[in-house]
């Protein structure tokens, strides 16, 4: 299974690189500044790569389609992300492809490293949960940037299928499954005259710690509706600062699960490279309280 996932990841990256070479030039769109058409979107308005591999903020999924492609082209990116808190470390690597600014396909592999905390939990020092996340997102209506004369945001639906490699441990702590699927509806709006980027997402999920501790639990095994929100200020065309909030279900009896929040800064070195840094507050994770730390992500794309 993991071999097949790895081959799929390589294929996805290869598709992205091939598309960059073959993508056609975009035509001028009447009434839209030329800088918004050549090479695709304005810097940062397509979002960065979130921890699950899709386009958005660091913690939240947005309605934007990854990459800088126009409706006539194909875009994509690869990313490397690390989150370090007091007791845990999360690493994520993956790729995403945006097709004609309408459909996004993504993959991320996450490693949740318990470090010395694993020994305290009886798992062994450095015990790691690995999760693969396959995602798809479809833009339904609106355009986050171009529709400046309308209040209507860009709206998209998305799905993320997650598979964890530690099924025995997950069941031992009360989780019901090591695989699960999230569904979400996202709305994103860029207000250029106010230099604001706003997003709200409603997610249906059973995931414990976004799936890193499995899906469902002894307290609850039903889907619940959770909210993800982002607000950012475009300080300049290259720098976006803001905050995010992500609510979480509380399915496991052995440890409560808190909502997540961050303060972030995303900087576009160019349209091919961006860097995102954040201070994160992740609350209690697997009985260890007040997990705070730092997030750093590098994204290369087109």
C-alpha atoms as a PDB file:
ATOM      1  CA  UNK A   1       0.000   0.000   0.000  1.00  0.00           C
ATOM      2  CA  UNK A   2       2.741   2.481   0.981  1.00  0.00           C
ATOM      3  CA  UNK A   3       4.673   1.563  -2.193  1.00  0.00           C
ATOM      4  CA  UNK A   4       1.621   2.420  -4.290  1.00  0.00           C
ATOM      5  CA  UNK A   5       1.183   5.723  -2.426  1.00  0.00           C
ATOM      6  CA  UNK A   6       4.829   6.610  -3.032  1.00  0.00           C
ATOM      7  CA  UNK A   7       4.496   5.863  -6.745  1.00  0.00           C
ATOM      8  CA  UNK A   8       1.360   7.997  -6.852  1.00  0.00           C
ATOM      9  CA  UNK A   9       3.209  10.852  -5.170  1.00  0.00           C
ATOM     10  CA  UNK A  10       6.032  10.679  -7.727  1.00  0.00           C
ATOM     11  CA  UNK A  11       3.481  10.627 -10.553  1.00  0.00           C
ATOM     12  CA  UNK A  12       1.743  13.694  -9.124  1.00  0.00           C
ATOM     13  CA  UNK A  13       4.999  15.642  -8.888  1.00  0.00           C
ATOM     14  CA  UNK A  14       5.978  14.575 -12.421  1.00  0.00           C
ATOM     15  CA  UNK A  15       2.607  15.747 -13.732  1.00  0.00           C
ATOM     16  CA  UNK A  16       3.079  19.109 -12.062  1.00  0.00           C
ATOM     17  CA  UNK A  17       6.564  19.619 -13.535  1.00  0.00           C
ATOM     18  CA  UNK A  18       5.495  18.492 -17.013  1.00  0.00           C
ATOM     19  CA  UNK A  19       2.489  20.808 -16.898  1.00  0.00           C
ATOM     20  CA  UNK A  20       4.721  23.769 -16.049  1.00  0.00           C
ATOM     21  CA  UNK A  21       6.617  23.284 -19.300  1.00  0.00           C
ATOM     22  CA  UNK A  22       3.561  22.629 -21.449  1.00  0.00           C
ATOM     23  CA  UNK A  23       1.131  25.181 -19.967  1.00  0.00           C
ATOM     24  CA  UNK A  24      -0.123  27.669 -22.580  1.00  0.00           C
ATOM     25  CA  UNK A  25       0.113  31.417 -22.132  1.00  0.00           C
ATOM     26  CA  UNK A  26      -3.001  33.090 -20.748  1.00  0.00           C
ATOM     27  CA  UNK A  27      -4.968  35.587 -22.781  1.00  0.00           C
ATOM     28  CA  UNK A  28      -5.856  39.113 -21.601  1.00  0.00           C
ATOM     29  CA  UNK A  29      -9.184  39.188 -19.753  1.00  0.00           C
ATOM     30  CA  UNK A  30     -11.201  42.402 -20.388  1.00  0.00           C
ATOM     31  CA  UNK A  31     -11.333  44.660 -17.333  1.00  0.00           C
ATOM     32  CA  UNK A  32      -8.677  42.713 -15.424  1.00  0.00           C
ATOM     33  CA  UNK A  33      -5.160  44.178 -14.958  1.00  0.00           C
ATOM     34  CA  UNK A  34      -2.563  42.441 -17.122  1.00  0.00           C
ATOM     35  CA  UNK A  35      -0.457  41.545 -14.035  1.00  0.00           C
ATOM     36  CA  UNK A  36      -3.356  39.389 -12.821  1.00  0.00           C
ATOM     37  CA  UNK A  37      -3.382  37.358 -16.043  1.00  0.00           C
ATOM     38  CA  UNK A  38       0.239  36.830 -17.062  1.00  0.00           C
ATOM     39  CA  UNK A  39       1.495  33.941 -14.952  1.00  0.00           C
ATOM     40  CA  UNK A  40      -1.913  33.621 -13.323  1.00  0.00           C
ATOM     41  CA  UNK A  41      -2.992  35.124 -10.034  1.00  0.00           C
ATOM     42  CA  UNK A  42      -1.611  37.883  -7.857  1.00  0.00           C
ATOM     43  CA  UNK A  43       1.083  36.873  -5.402  1.00  0.00           C
ATOM     44  CA  UNK A  44      -0.239  34.920  -2.383  1.00  0.00           C
ATOM     45  CA  UNK A  45      -3.922  35.135  -3.431  1.00  0.00           C
ATOM     46  CA  UNK A  46      -3.944  31.431  -4.299  1.00  0.00           C
ATOM     47  CA  UNK A  47      -2.977  30.579  -0.729  1.00  0.00           C
ATOM     48  CA  UNK A  48      -0.051  28.518   0.489  1.00  0.00           C
ATOM     49  CA  UNK A  49       0.089  24.776   1.224  1.00  0.00           C
ATOM     50  CA  UNK A  50      -1.709  23.775   4.414  1.00  0.00           C
ATOM     51  CA  UNK A  51      -0.648  20.852   6.612  1.00  0.00           C
ATOM     52  CA  UNK A  52      -2.913  18.503   4.631  1.00  0.00           C
ATOM     53  CA  UNK A  53      -1.381  19.460   1.293  1.00  0.00           C
ATOM     54  CA  UNK A  54      -4.129  21.552  -0.302  1.00  0.00           C
ATOM     55  CA  UNK A  55      -4.232  25.269  -1.030  1.00  0.00           C
ATOM     56  CA  UNK A  56      -5.103  27.498   1.900  1.00  0.00           C
ATOM     57  CA  UNK A  57      -3.549  28.804   5.083  1.00  0.00           C
ATOM     58  CA  UNK A  58      -1.297  26.748   7.300  1.00  0.00           C
ATOM     59  CA  UNK A  59      -4.145  25.214   9.315  1.00  0.00           C
ATOM     60  CA  UNK A  60      -7.208  25.904   7.170  1.00  0.00           C
ATOM     61  CA  UNK A  61      -8.410  24.828   3.734  1.00  0.00           C
ATOM     62  CA  UNK A  62      -9.435  27.692   1.425  1.00  0.00           C
ATOM     63  CA  UNK A  63     -11.689  27.807  -1.641  1.00  0.00           C
ATOM     64  CA  UNK A  64      -8.779  28.952  -3.811  1.00  0.00           C
ATOM     65  CA  UNK A  65      -7.205  26.526  -6.275  1.00  0.00           C
ATOM     66  CA  UNK A  66      -3.475  25.994  -5.785  1.00  0.00           C
ATOM     67  CA  UNK A  67      -0.949  27.371  -8.245  1.00  0.00           C
ATOM     68  CA  UNK A  68      -0.870  30.526 -10.356  1.00  0.00           C
ATOM     69  CA  UNK A  69      -2.745  29.125 -13.360  1.00  0.00           C
ATOM     70  CA  UNK A  70      -5.532  30.930 -15.200  1.00  0.00           C
ATOM     71  CA  UNK A  71      -8.661  29.139 -16.519  1.00  0.00           C
ATOM     72  CA  UNK A  72      -6.572  28.296 -19.608  1.00  0.00           C
ATOM     73  CA  UNK A  73      -3.645  26.692 -17.815  1.00  0.00           C
ATOM     74  CA  UNK A  74      -2.269  24.292 -15.219  1.00  0.00           C
ATOM     75  CA  UNK A  75      -0.332  25.166 -12.073  1.00  0.00           C
ATOM     76  CA  UNK A  76       1.043  23.356  -9.092  1.00  0.00           C
ATOM     77  CA  UNK A  77       3.488  23.235  -6.230  1.00  0.00           C
ATOM     78  CA  UNK A  78       5.493  21.079  -3.864  1.00  0.00           C
ATOM     79  CA  UNK A  79       5.897  21.847  -0.173  1.00  0.00           C
ATOM     80  CA  UNK A  80       7.879  20.986   2.948  1.00  0.00           C
ATOM     81  CA  UNK A  81       6.384  21.876   6.340  1.00  0.00           C
ATOM     82  CA  UNK A  82       7.517  21.452   9.923  1.00  0.00           C
ATOM     83  CA  UNK A  83       5.661  22.151  13.181  1.00  0.00           C
ATOM     84  CA  UNK A  84       7.560  21.955  16.473  1.00  0.00           C
ATOM     85  CA  UNK A  85       5.775  22.215  19.827  1.00  0.00           C
ATOM     86  CA  UNK A  86       6.919  21.633  23.405  1.00  0.00           C
ATOM     87  CA  UNK A  87       6.475  17.843  23.199  1.00  0.00           C
ATOM     88  CA  UNK A  88       5.795  16.859  19.575  1.00  0.00           C
ATOM     89  CA  UNK A  89       6.942  17.441  16.007  1.00  0.00           C
ATOM     90  CA  UNK A  90       4.949  17.237  12.780  1.00  0.00           C
ATOM     91  CA  UNK A  91       6.579  17.030   9.346  1.00  0.00           C
ATOM     92  CA  UNK A  92       4.648  17.208   6.087  1.00  0.00           C
ATOM     93  CA  UNK A  93       5.751  16.949   2.451  1.00  0.00           C
ATOM     94  CA  UNK A  94       3.605  16.812  -0.640  1.00  0.00           C
ATOM     95  CA  UNK A  95       2.463  18.197  -3.961  1.00  0.00           C
ATOM     96  CA  UNK A  96      -0.661  19.712  -5.482  1.00  0.00           C
ATOM     97  CA  UNK A  97      -1.846  20.416  -9.021  1.00  0.00           C
ATOM     98  CA  UNK A  98      -4.362  23.088 -10.063  1.00  0.00           C
ATOM     99  CA  UNK A  99      -6.231  22.394 -13.303  1.00  0.00           C
ATOM    100  CA  UNK A 100      -7.645  25.422 -15.162  1.00  0.00           C
ATOM    101  CA  UNK A 101      -8.281  27.253 -11.846  1.00  0.00           C
ATOM    102  CA  UNK A 102     -11.204  24.869 -11.333  1.00  0.00           C
ATOM    103  CA  UNK A 103      -9.955  21.549  -9.910  1.00  0.00           C
ATOM    104  CA  UNK A 104      -7.214  20.882  -7.360  1.00  0.00           C
ATOM    105  CA  UNK A 105      -5.616  17.481  -6.684  1.00  0.00           C
ATOM    106  CA  UNK A 106      -3.210  17.112  -3.769  1.00  0.00           C
ATOM    107  CA  UNK A 107      -1.174  14.650  -1.735  1.00  0.00           C
ATOM    108  CA  UNK A 108       0.670  15.038   1.574  1.00  0.00           C
ATOM    109  CA  UNK A 109       2.607  12.616   3.735  1.00  0.00           C
ATOM    110  CA  UNK A 110       2.652  13.548   7.417  1.00  0.00           C
ATOM    111  CA  UNK A 111       4.982  12.221  10.125  1.00  0.00           C
ATOM    112  CA  UNK A 112       3.854  12.913  13.704  1.00  0.00           C
ATOM    113  CA  UNK A 113       6.971  12.353  15.813  1.00  0.00           C
ATOM    114  CA  UNK A 114       6.346  11.898  19.541  1.00  0.00           C
ATOM    115  CA  UNK A 115      10.041  12.316  20.411  1.00  0.00           C
ATOM    116  CA  UNK A 116      10.858  11.768  24.095  1.00  0.00           C
ATOM    117  CA  UNK A 117       7.131  12.067  24.824  1.00  0.00           C
ATOM    118  CA  UNK A 118       6.642   8.700  23.137  1.00  0.00           C
ATOM    119  CA  UNK A 119       8.625   7.078  25.935  1.00  0.00           C
ATOM    120  CA  UNK A 120       6.433   8.739  28.577  1.00  0.00           C
ATOM    121  CA  UNK A 121       3.351   7.425  26.778  1.00  0.00           C
ATOM    122  CA  UNK A 122       4.772   3.913  26.673  1.00  0.00           C
ATOM    123  CA  UNK A 123       5.286   3.941  22.901  1.00  0.00           C
ATOM    124  CA  UNK A 124       9.046   4.364  22.879  1.00  0.00           C
ATOM    125  CA  UNK A 125      11.168   7.442  22.242  1.00  0.00           C
ATOM    126  CA  UNK A 126      10.714   8.804  18.740  1.00  0.00           C
ATOM    127  CA  UNK A 127       7.615   6.751  18.013  1.00  0.00           C
ATOM    128  CA  UNK A 128       6.054   8.172  14.822  1.00  0.00           C
ATOM    129  CA  UNK A 129       2.559   8.101  13.393  1.00  0.00           C
ATOM    130  CA  UNK A 130       2.535   8.361   9.586  1.00  0.00           C
ATOM    131  CA  UNK A 131      -0.481   9.561   7.646  1.00  0.00           C
ATOM    132  CA  UNK A 132      -1.145   9.965   3.912  1.00  0.00           C
ATOM    133  CA  UNK A 133      -3.685  12.558   2.794  1.00  0.00           C
ATOM    134  CA  UNK A 134      -5.198  12.503  -0.702  1.00  0.00           C
ATOM    135  CA  UNK A 135      -7.272  15.570  -1.546  1.00  0.00           C
ATOM    136  CA  UNK A 136      -9.518  16.964  -4.273  1.00  0.00           C
ATOM    137  CA  UNK A 137     -11.182  20.371  -4.429  1.00  0.00           C
ATOM    138  CA  UNK A 138     -13.661  21.768  -6.984  1.00  0.00           C
ATOM    139  CA  UNK A 139     -14.462  25.457  -7.425  1.00  0.00           C
ATOM    140  CA  UNK A 140     -18.226  25.866  -7.710  1.00  0.00           C
ATOM    141  CA  UNK A 141     -18.856  29.572  -8.171  1.00  0.00           C
ATOM    142  CA  UNK A 142     -17.290  33.009  -7.858  1.00  0.00           C
ATOM    143  CA  UNK A 143     -13.726  34.227  -8.045  1.00  0.00           C
ATOM    144  CA  UNK A 144     -11.892  35.355  -4.916  1.00  0.00           C
ATOM    145  CA  UNK A 145      -9.885  38.024  -6.762  1.00  0.00           C
ATOM    146  CA  UNK A 146     -11.601  38.957 -10.019  1.00  0.00           C
ATOM    147  CA  UNK A 147     -15.101  39.532  -8.568  1.00  0.00           C
ATOM    148  CA  UNK A 148     -14.255  42.826  -6.876  1.00  0.00           C
ATOM    149  CA  UNK A 149     -17.588  44.340  -7.879  1.00  0.00           C
ATOM    150  CA  UNK A 150     -19.555  41.582  -6.101  1.00  0.00           C
ATOM    151  CA  UNK A 151     -19.796  40.456  -2.487  1.00  0.00           C
ATOM    152  CA  UNK A 152     -20.026  36.842  -3.619  1.00  0.00           C
ATOM    153  CA  UNK A 153     -16.905  34.929  -2.501  1.00  0.00           C
ATOM    154  CA  UNK A 154     -15.242  32.069  -4.296  1.00  0.00           C
ATOM    155  CA  UNK A 155     -16.921  28.872  -3.107  1.00  0.00           C
ATOM    156  CA  UNK A 156     -15.488  25.355  -3.387  1.00  0.00           C
ATOM    157  CA  UNK A 157     -16.188  21.868  -2.108  1.00  0.00           C
ATOM    158  CA  UNK A 158     -13.435  19.486  -1.122  1.00  0.00           C
ATOM    159  CA  UNK A 159     -12.692  15.979   0.078  1.00  0.00           C
ATOM    160  CA  UNK A 160      -9.645  14.572   1.883  1.00  0.00           C
ATOM    161  CA  UNK A 161      -9.072  10.850   2.381  1.00  0.00           C
ATOM    162  CA  UNK A 162      -6.607  10.062   5.158  1.00  0.00           C
ATOM    163  CA  UNK A 163      -4.844   6.790   5.965  1.00  0.00           C
ATOM    164  CA  UNK A 164      -2.790   6.236   9.149  1.00  0.00           C
ATOM    165  CA  UNK A 165      -0.216   3.448   9.552  1.00  0.00           C
ATOM    166  CA  UNK A 166      -0.701   2.854  13.296  1.00  0.00           C
ATOM    167  CA  UNK A 167      -4.071   1.111  13.449  1.00  0.00           C
ATOM    168  CA  UNK A 168      -3.224  -1.051  16.483  1.00  0.00           C
ATOM    169  CA  UNK A 169      -2.149   1.943  18.592  1.00  0.00           C
ATOM    170  CA  UNK A 170      -5.160   3.974  17.470  1.00  0.00           C
ATOM    171  CA  UNK A 171      -7.557   1.235  18.559  1.00  0.00           C
ATOM    172  CA  UNK A 172      -5.682   0.803  21.849  1.00  0.00           C
ATOM    173  CA  UNK A 173      -6.360   4.449  22.791  1.00  0.00           C
ATOM    174  CA  UNK A 174     -10.036   4.243  21.832  1.00  0.00           C
ATOM    175  CA  UNK A 175     -10.011   5.226  18.153  1.00  0.00           C
ATOM    176  CA  UNK A 176     -12.424   3.398  15.876  1.00  0.00           C
ATOM    177  CA  UNK A 177     -10.522   3.441  12.577  1.00  0.00           C
ATOM    178  CA  UNK A 178      -7.153   4.229  11.018  1.00  0.00           C
ATOM    179  CA  UNK A 179      -8.735   5.579   7.804  1.00  0.00           C
ATOM    180  CA  UNK A 180     -11.288   8.306   7.300  1.00  0.00           C
ATOM    181  CA  UNK A 181     -12.600  10.914   4.894  1.00  0.00           C
ATOM    182  CA  UNK A 182     -13.256  14.607   5.536  1.00  0.00           C
ATOM    183  CA  UNK A 183     -15.645  16.734   3.474  1.00  0.00           C
ATOM    184  CA  UNK A 184     -15.633  20.529   3.437  1.00  0.00           C
ATOM    185  CA  UNK A 185     -17.248  23.621   1.956  1.00  0.00           C
ATOM    186  CA  UNK A 186     -15.029  26.716   1.777  1.00  0.00           C
ATOM    187  CA  UNK A 187     -15.631  30.383   0.909  1.00  0.00           C
ATOM    188  CA  UNK A 188     -12.749  32.805   0.239  1.00  0.00           C
ATOM    189  CA  UNK A 189     -12.798  36.518  -0.600  1.00  0.00           C
ATOM    190  CA  UNK A 190      -9.936  38.904  -1.429  1.00  0.00           C
ATOM    191  CA  UNK A 191     -10.822  42.575  -0.883  1.00  0.00           C
ATOM    192  CA  UNK A 192      -8.134  44.378  -2.858  1.00  0.00           C
ATOM    193  CA  UNK A 193      -9.213  47.887  -1.848  1.00  0.00           C
ATOM    194  CA  UNK A 194      -8.833  46.929   1.821  1.00  0.00           C
ATOM    195  CA  UNK A 195      -5.868  44.553   1.290  1.00  0.00           C
ATOM    196  CA  UNK A 196      -7.766  41.788   3.089  1.00  0.00           C
ATOM    197  CA  UNK A 197      -8.006  38.025   2.542  1.00  0.00           C
ATOM    198  CA  UNK A 198     -10.925  36.336   4.332  1.00  0.00           C
ATOM    199  CA  UNK A 199     -11.895  32.670   4.478  1.00  0.00           C
ATOM    200  CA  UNK A 200     -14.452  30.483   6.213  1.00  0.00           C
ATOM    201  CA  UNK A 201     -14.673  26.688   5.923  1.00  0.00           C
ATOM    202  CA  UNK A 202     -17.179  24.186   7.273  1.00  0.00           C
ATOM    203  CA  UNK A 203     -15.717  20.674   7.615  1.00  0.00           C
ATOM    204  CA  UNK A 204     -17.505  17.358   8.288  1.00  0.00           C
ATOM    205  CA  UNK A 205     -15.018  15.066  10.026  1.00  0.00           C
ATOM    206  CA  UNK A 206     -14.423  12.185  12.435  1.00  0.00           C
ATOM    207  CA  UNK A 207     -10.684  12.864  12.650  1.00  0.00           C
ATOM    208  CA  UNK A 208      -8.793  12.899  15.944  1.00  0.00           C
ATOM    209  CA  UNK A 209      -5.999  15.491  15.758  1.00  0.00           C
ATOM    210  CA  UNK A 210      -6.767  15.773  12.006  1.00  0.00           C
ATOM    211  CA  UNK A 211      -6.424  11.985  11.698  1.00  0.00           C
ATOM    212  CA  UNK A 212      -2.986  11.638  13.305  1.00  0.00           C
ATOM    213  CA  UNK A 213      -4.692   9.737  16.161  1.00  0.00           C
ATOM    214  CA  UNK A 214      -7.245   8.019  13.942  1.00  0.00           C
ATOM    215  CA  UNK A 215     -10.947   8.564  13.356  1.00  0.00           C
ATOM    216  CA  UNK A 216     -13.914   8.317  15.693  1.00  0.00           C
ATOM    217  CA  UNK A 217     -13.601   7.183  19.267  1.00  0.00           C
ATOM    218  CA  UNK A 218     -15.106   5.767  22.419  1.00  0.00           C
ATOM    219  CA  UNK A 219     -16.817   9.087  23.169  1.00  0.00           C
ATOM    220  CA  UNK A 220     -18.186   9.728  19.678  1.00  0.00           C
ATOM    221  CA  UNK A 221     -18.041   7.942  16.321  1.00  0.00           C
ATOM    222  CA  UNK A 222     -20.254  10.260  14.265  1.00  0.00           C
ATOM    223  CA  UNK A 223     -19.343  13.022  11.857  1.00  0.00           C
ATOM    224  CA  UNK A 224     -19.352  16.485  13.402  1.00  0.00           C
ATOM    225  CA  UNK A 225     -19.313  19.930  11.790  1.00  0.00           C
ATOM    226  CA  UNK A 226     -16.170  21.957  12.499  1.00  0.00           C
ATOM    227  CA  UNK A 227     -15.198  25.505  11.504  1.00  0.00           C
ATOM    228  CA  UNK A 228     -11.981  26.854  10.007  1.00  0.00           C
ATOM    229  CA  UNK A 229     -11.420  30.591   9.659  1.00  0.00           C
ATOM    230  CA  UNK A 230      -8.613  32.748   8.282  1.00  0.00           C
ATOM    231  CA  UNK A 231      -8.097  36.492   8.075  1.00  0.00           C
ATOM    232  CA  UNK A 232      -5.055  38.073   6.469  1.00  0.00           C
ATOM    233  CA  UNK A 233      -3.794  41.572   5.658  1.00  0.00           C
ATOM    234  CA  UNK A 234      -1.723  42.105   2.521  1.00  0.00           C
ATOM    235  CA  UNK A 235       0.967  44.402   3.912  1.00  0.00           C
ATOM    236  CA  UNK A 236       2.497  44.472   0.449  1.00  0.00           C
ATOM    237  CA  UNK A 237       2.109  42.426  -2.716  1.00  0.00           C
ATOM    238  CA  UNK A 238       4.663  39.985  -1.269  1.00  0.00           C
ATOM    239  CA  UNK A 239       3.756  39.845   2.429  1.00  0.00           C
ATOM    240  CA  UNK A 240       0.543  38.541   4.035  1.00  0.00           C
ATOM    241  CA  UNK A 241       0.103  38.490   7.819  1.00  0.00           C
ATOM    242  CA  UNK A 242      -2.881  37.199   9.725  1.00  0.00           C
ATOM    243  CA  UNK A 243      -4.466  34.652  12.020  1.00  0.00           C
ATOM    244  CA  UNK A 244      -6.303  31.330  11.758  1.00  0.00           C
ATOM    245  CA  UNK A 245      -8.632  29.270  13.899  1.00  0.00           C
ATOM    246  CA  UNK A 246      -9.639  25.634  13.470  1.00  0.00           C
ATOM    247  CA  UNK A 247     -12.171  23.864  15.677  1.00  0.00           C
ATOM    248  CA  UNK A 248     -11.773  20.143  16.371  1.00  0.00           C
ATOM    249  CA  UNK A 249     -14.005  17.256  17.508  1.00  0.00           C
ATOM    250  CA  UNK A 250     -13.445  15.610  20.899  1.00  0.00           C
ATOM    251  CA  UNK A 251     -13.931  11.888  20.246  1.00  0.00           C
ATOM    252  CA  UNK A 252     -11.410  10.137  22.518  1.00  0.00           C
ATOM    253  CA  UNK A 253     -12.031   9.486  26.206  1.00  0.00           C
ATOM    254  CA  UNK A 254      -8.364   9.177  27.244  1.00  0.00           C
ATOM    255  CA  UNK A 255      -7.465  12.754  26.268  1.00  0.00           C
ATOM    256  CA  UNK A 256      -9.405  15.878  25.395  1.00  0.00           C
ATOM    257  CA  UNK A 257      -8.802  17.611  22.080  1.00  0.00           C
ATOM    258  CA  UNK A 258      -8.584  21.393  21.845  1.00  0.00           C
ATOM    259  CA  UNK A 259      -9.098  23.777  18.956  1.00  0.00           C
ATOM    260  CA  UNK A 260      -6.081  25.112  17.059  1.00  0.00           C
ATOM    261  CA  UNK A 261      -5.011  28.695  16.308  1.00  0.00           C
ATOM    262  CA  UNK A 262      -2.048  30.497  14.789  1.00  0.00           C
ATOM    263  CA  UNK A 263      -0.547  33.878  13.934  1.00  0.00           C
ATOM    264  CA  UNK A 264       1.207  33.713  10.560  1.00  0.00           C
ATOM    265  CA  UNK A 265       3.296  35.613   8.046  1.00  0.00           C
ATOM    266  CA  UNK A 266       3.560  34.430   4.431  1.00  0.00           C
ATOM    267  CA  UNK A 267       6.189  35.964   2.152  1.00  0.00           C
ATOM    268  CA  UNK A 268       6.390  35.442  -1.604  1.00  0.00           C
ATOM    269  CA  UNK A 269      10.025  35.535  -2.643  1.00  0.00           C
ATOM    270  CA  UNK A 270       8.701  35.139  -6.188  1.00  0.00           C
ATOM    271  CA  UNK A 271       5.847  33.352  -7.919  1.00  0.00           C
ATOM    272  CA  UNK A 272       7.936  30.192  -7.719  1.00  0.00           C
ATOM    273  CA  UNK A 273       8.882  30.312  -4.033  1.00  0.00           C
ATOM    274  CA  UNK A 274       7.093  31.324  -0.823  1.00  0.00           C
ATOM    275  CA  UNK A 275       7.870  30.987   2.872  1.00  0.00           C
ATOM    276  CA  UNK A 276       5.300  30.814   5.667  1.00  0.00           C
ATOM    277  CA  UNK A 277       6.113  31.101   9.366  1.00  0.00           C
ATOM    278  CA  UNK A 278       3.664  30.985  12.258  1.00  0.00           C
ATOM    279  CA  UNK A 279       3.292  30.809  16.001  1.00  0.00           C
ATOM    280  CA  UNK A 280       0.840  27.992  16.767  1.00  0.00           C
ATOM    281  CA  UNK A 281      -1.300  27.223  19.820  1.00  0.00           C
ATOM    282  CA  UNK A 282      -2.557  23.631  19.536  1.00  0.00           C
ATOM    283  CA  UNK A 283      -3.878  23.028  23.060  1.00  0.00           C
ATOM    284  CA  UNK A 284      -3.796  19.570  24.650  1.00  0.00           C
ATOM    285  CA  UNK A 285      -2.480  16.666  22.540  1.00  0.00           C
ATOM    286  CA  UNK A 286      -2.560  13.085  23.896  1.00  0.00           C
ATOM    287  CA  UNK A 287      -2.673  14.206  27.572  1.00  0.00           C
ATOM    288  CA  UNK A 288       0.180  16.724  27.203  1.00  0.00           C
ATOM    289  CA  UNK A 289      -1.212  20.204  27.822  1.00  0.00           C
ATOM    290  CA  UNK A 290      -0.822  23.595  26.140  1.00  0.00           C
ATOM    291  CA  UNK A 291       1.175  22.594  23.097  1.00  0.00           C
ATOM    292  CA  UNK A 292       2.618  25.786  21.627  1.00  0.00           C
ATOM    293  CA  UNK A 293       5.383  26.230  19.131  1.00  0.00           C
ATOM    294  CA  UNK A 294       6.393  27.271  15.647  1.00  0.00           C
ATOM    295  CA  UNK A 295       5.419  26.416  12.090  1.00  0.00           C
ATOM    296  CA  UNK A 296       7.629  26.819   9.023  1.00  0.00           C
ATOM    297  CA  UNK A 297       6.684  25.914   5.457  1.00  0.00           C
ATOM    298  CA  UNK A 298       8.474  26.248   2.112  1.00  0.00           C
ATOM    299  CA  UNK A 299       6.503  26.086  -1.114  1.00  0.00           C
ATOM    300  CA  UNK A 300       7.884  25.956  -4.649  1.00  0.00           C
ATOM    301  CA  UNK A 301       5.507  26.110  -7.589  1.00  0.00           C
ATOM    302  CA  UNK A 302       4.184  27.875 -10.665  1.00  0.00           C
END
